[in-house]
Amino acid sequence: QVQLVESGGGSVQAGGSLRLSCKASGNIFSVNGMGWYRQAPGKQREFVARIVGGALINIADSVKGRFTISRDSAKIAVYLQMNSLKPEDTAIYYCNYNIQFWGQGTQVTVSS
């Protein structure tokens, strides 16, 4: 089992920035993929960004150029730096570990 704890959500105005953090604990593999998904009200959960190992990164087109994903050297934490936030970025953001495990989610609200 893997436990994920997210932090860093909140409310900002459009154009602002937030940084999300997620720390994993439990049965951590040395090579793993961690990432972020989000779910807006009334919509399906969607992929935001993912980093595998230390270098392989995928980012959704909708946030490319505004969001940056990174992780710590121990590969137990992942971060999402969100800049130039838009109202359409409002959602609950979920941390994911190796596709299988999910965090509880952290709310991000962007007002216009």
C-alpha atoms as a PDB file:
ATOM      1  CA  GLN A   1       0.000   0.000   0.000  1.00  0.00           C
ATOM      2  CA  VAL A   2       1.002   3.581  -0.668  1.00  0.00           C
ATOM      3  CA  GLN A   3      -0.376   6.610   1.130  1.00  0.00           C
ATOM      4  CA  LEU A   4      -0.379  10.036  -0.505  1.00  0.00           C
ATOM      5  CA  VAL A   5      -0.803  13.337   1.307  1.00  0.00           C
ATOM      6  CA  GLU A   6      -1.405  16.483  -0.732  1.00  0.00           C
ATOM      7  CA  SER A   7      -1.055  20.098   0.336  1.00  0.00           C
ATOM      8  CA  GLY A   8      -0.899  23.547  -1.176  1.00  0.00           C
ATOM      9  CA  GLY A   9      -4.363  24.082  -2.580  1.00  0.00           C
ATOM     10  CA  GLY A  10      -6.286  27.279  -2.018  1.00  0.00           C
ATOM     11  CA  SER A  11      -8.021  30.214  -3.618  1.00  0.00           C
ATOM     12  CA  VAL A  12      -6.340  32.726  -5.913  1.00  0.00           C
ATOM     13  CA  GLN A  13      -7.315  35.287  -8.483  1.00  0.00           C
ATOM     14  CA  ALA A  14      -6.781  34.689 -12.164  1.00  0.00           C
ATOM     15  CA  GLY A  15      -3.151  35.164 -13.092  1.00  0.00           C
ATOM     16  CA  GLY A  16      -1.952  34.012  -9.710  1.00  0.00           C
ATOM     17  CA  SER A  17       0.164  31.028  -8.722  1.00  0.00           C
ATOM     18  CA  LEU A  18      -0.058  28.034  -6.426  1.00  0.00           C
ATOM     19  CA  ARG A  19       2.279  25.170  -5.674  1.00  0.00           C
ATOM     20  CA  LEU A  20       0.887  21.758  -4.846  1.00  0.00           C
ATOM     21  CA  SER A  21       2.880  19.148  -2.966  1.00  0.00           C
ATOM     22  CA  CYS A  22       2.334  15.437  -2.546  1.00  0.00           C
ATOM     23  CA  LYS A  23       4.324  13.109  -0.341  1.00  0.00           C
ATOM     24  CA  ALA A  24       4.175   9.347  -0.626  1.00  0.00           C
ATOM     25  CA  SER A  25       4.752   6.832   2.126  1.00  0.00           C
ATOM     26  CA  GLY A  26       4.456   3.093   2.496  1.00  0.00           C
ATOM     27  CA  ASN A  27       5.595   0.509  -0.036  1.00  0.00           C
ATOM     28  CA  ILE A  28       7.519   2.851  -2.342  1.00  0.00           C
ATOM     29  CA  PHE A  29       9.341   1.439  -5.337  1.00  0.00           C
ATOM     30  CA  SER A  30      12.665   2.959  -6.333  1.00  0.00           C
ATOM     31  CA  VAL A  31      11.369   3.527  -9.870  1.00  0.00           C
ATOM     32  CA  ASN A  32       7.933   4.999  -9.966  1.00  0.00           C
ATOM     33  CA  GLY A  33       5.685   7.465 -11.646  1.00  0.00           C
ATOM     34  CA  MET A  34       3.854  10.185  -9.786  1.00  0.00           C
ATOM     35  CA  GLY A  35       1.525  12.753 -11.155  1.00  0.00           C
ATOM     36  CA  TRP A  36      -1.491  14.972 -10.871  1.00  0.00           C
ATOM     37  CA  TYR A  37      -5.046  14.722 -12.121  1.00  0.00           C
ATOM     38  CA  ARG A  38      -7.929  17.096 -11.581  1.00  0.00           C
ATOM     39  CA  GLN A  39     -11.690  16.965 -11.487  1.00  0.00           C
ATOM     40  CA  ALA A  40     -13.868  20.005 -11.978  1.00  0.00           C
ATOM     41  CA  PRO A  41     -17.516  20.052 -10.832  1.00  0.00           C
ATOM     42  CA  GLY A  42     -19.672  18.030 -13.180  1.00  0.00           C
ATOM     43  CA  LYS A  43     -16.703  16.790 -15.208  1.00  0.00           C
ATOM     44  CA  GLN A  44     -14.634  13.638 -15.378  1.00  0.00           C
ATOM     45  CA  ARG A  45     -11.232  13.411 -13.786  1.00  0.00           C
ATOM     46  CA  GLU A  46      -8.561  14.448 -16.256  1.00  0.00           C
ATOM     47  CA  PHE A  47      -4.808  14.086 -16.549  1.00  0.00           C
ATOM     48  CA  VAL A  48      -2.677  17.125 -15.718  1.00  0.00           C
ATOM     49  CA  ALA A  49       0.964  16.055 -15.484  1.00  0.00           C
ATOM     50  CA  ARG A  50       3.102  13.066 -14.673  1.00  0.00           C
ATOM     51  CA  ILE A  51       6.781  12.381 -14.042  1.00  0.00           C
ATOM     52  CA  VAL A  52       8.300   8.915 -14.285  1.00  0.00           C
ATOM     53  CA  GLY A  53      11.622   8.220 -12.629  1.00  0.00           C
ATOM     54  CA  GLY A  54      13.446  11.518 -12.594  1.00  0.00           C
ATOM     55  CA  ALA A  55      13.106  12.720 -16.120  1.00  0.00           C
ATOM     56  CA  LEU A  56      10.211  11.460 -18.201  1.00  0.00           C
ATOM     57  CA  ILE A  57       7.503  14.121 -18.070  1.00  0.00           C
ATOM     58  CA  ASN A  58       4.089  14.371 -19.666  1.00  0.00           C
ATOM     59  CA  ILE A  59       1.949  17.481 -19.371  1.00  0.00           C
ATOM     60  CA  ALA A  60      -1.565  18.074 -20.652  1.00  0.00           C
ATOM     61  CA  ASP A  61      -1.828  20.555 -23.505  1.00  0.00           C
ATOM     62  CA  SER A  62      -4.325  22.619 -21.506  1.00  0.00           C
ATOM     63  CA  VAL A  63      -1.684  23.502 -18.904  1.00  0.00           C
ATOM     64  CA  LYS A  64       1.512  23.292 -20.913  1.00  0.00           C
ATOM     65  CA  GLY A  65       3.596  26.428 -20.508  1.00  0.00           C
ATOM     66  CA  ARG A  66       1.828  27.342 -17.265  1.00  0.00           C
ATOM     67  CA  PHE A  67       2.276  24.295 -15.025  1.00  0.00           C
ATOM     68  CA  THR A  68       5.534  22.576 -14.131  1.00  0.00           C
ATOM     69  CA  ILE A  69       5.900  19.194 -12.465  1.00  0.00           C
ATOM     70  CA  SER A  70       8.955  18.208 -10.475  1.00  0.00           C
ATOM     71  CA  ARG A  71       9.967  15.750  -7.779  1.00  0.00           C
ATOM     72  CA  ASP A  72      12.485  15.301  -5.007  1.00  0.00           C
ATOM     73  CA  SER A  73      15.656  13.255  -5.399  1.00  0.00           C
ATOM     74  CA  ALA A  74      14.331  10.512  -3.122  1.00  0.00           C
ATOM     75  CA  LYS A  75      11.351  10.136  -5.456  1.00  0.00           C
ATOM     76  CA  ILE A  76       8.814  10.168  -2.665  1.00  0.00           C
ATOM     77  CA  ALA A  77       7.388  13.632  -3.312  1.00  0.00           C
ATOM     78  CA  VAL A  78       6.024  15.390  -6.354  1.00  0.00           C
ATOM     79  CA  TYR A  79       5.245  19.046  -6.874  1.00  0.00           C
ATOM     80  CA  LEU A  80       3.046  20.989  -9.263  1.00  0.00           C
ATOM     81  CA  GLN A  81       3.903  24.637  -9.790  1.00  0.00           C
ATOM     82  CA  MET A  82       0.896  26.347 -11.293  1.00  0.00           C
ATOM     83  CA  ASN A  83       1.357  29.798 -12.798  1.00  0.00           C
ATOM     84  CA  SER A  84      -0.936  32.076 -14.764  1.00  0.00           C
ATOM     85  CA  LEU A  85      -3.926  30.322 -13.279  1.00  0.00           C
ATOM     86  CA  LYS A  86      -7.282  30.618 -15.035  1.00  0.00           C
ATOM     87  CA  PRO A  87     -10.818  30.154 -13.698  1.00  0.00           C
ATOM     88  CA  GLU A  88     -11.054  26.968 -15.766  1.00  0.00           C
ATOM     89  CA  ASP A  89      -8.235  25.506 -13.661  1.00  0.00           C
ATOM     90  CA  THR A  90     -10.651  25.376 -10.730  1.00  0.00           C
ATOM     91  CA  ALA A  91     -10.907  21.756  -9.630  1.00  0.00           C
ATOM     92  CA  ILE A  92      -9.950  19.238  -7.016  1.00  0.00           C
ATOM     93  CA  TYR A  93      -6.396  18.156  -7.741  1.00  0.00           C
ATOM     94  CA  TYR A  94      -5.448  14.567  -6.984  1.00  0.00           C
ATOM     95  CA  CYS A  95      -1.993  13.128  -6.576  1.00  0.00           C
ATOM     96  CA  ASN A  96      -1.400   9.751  -8.181  1.00  0.00           C
ATOM     97  CA  TYR A  97       1.260   7.076  -7.637  1.00  0.00           C
ATOM     98  CA  ASN A  98       1.955   4.497 -10.331  1.00  0.00           C
ATOM     99  CA  ILE A  99      -1.598   4.905 -11.636  1.00  0.00           C
ATOM    100  CA  GLN A 100      -2.857   2.689  -8.833  1.00  0.00           C
ATOM    101  CA  PHE A 101      -2.922   4.896  -5.724  1.00  0.00           C
ATOM    102  CA  TRP A 102      -4.675   8.216  -5.158  1.00  0.00           C
ATOM    103  CA  GLY A 103      -4.525  10.995  -2.616  1.00  0.00           C
ATOM    104  CA  GLN A 104      -7.585  12.575  -1.041  1.00  0.00           C
ATOM    105  CA  GLY A 105      -7.396  15.641  -3.250  1.00  0.00           C
ATOM    106  CA  THR A 106      -6.831  19.323  -2.639  1.00  0.00           C
ATOM    107  CA  GLN A 107      -9.134  22.096  -3.802  1.00  0.00           C
ATOM    108  CA  VAL A 108      -7.872  24.793  -6.162  1.00  0.00           C
ATOM    109  CA  THR A 109     -10.204  27.704  -6.824  1.00  0.00           C
ATOM    110  CA  VAL A 110      -9.361  30.459  -9.294  1.00  0.00           C
ATOM    111  CA  SER A 111     -11.595  33.513  -9.389  1.00  0.00           C
ATOM    112  CA  SER A 112     -11.878  35.930 -12.273  1.00  0.00           C
END
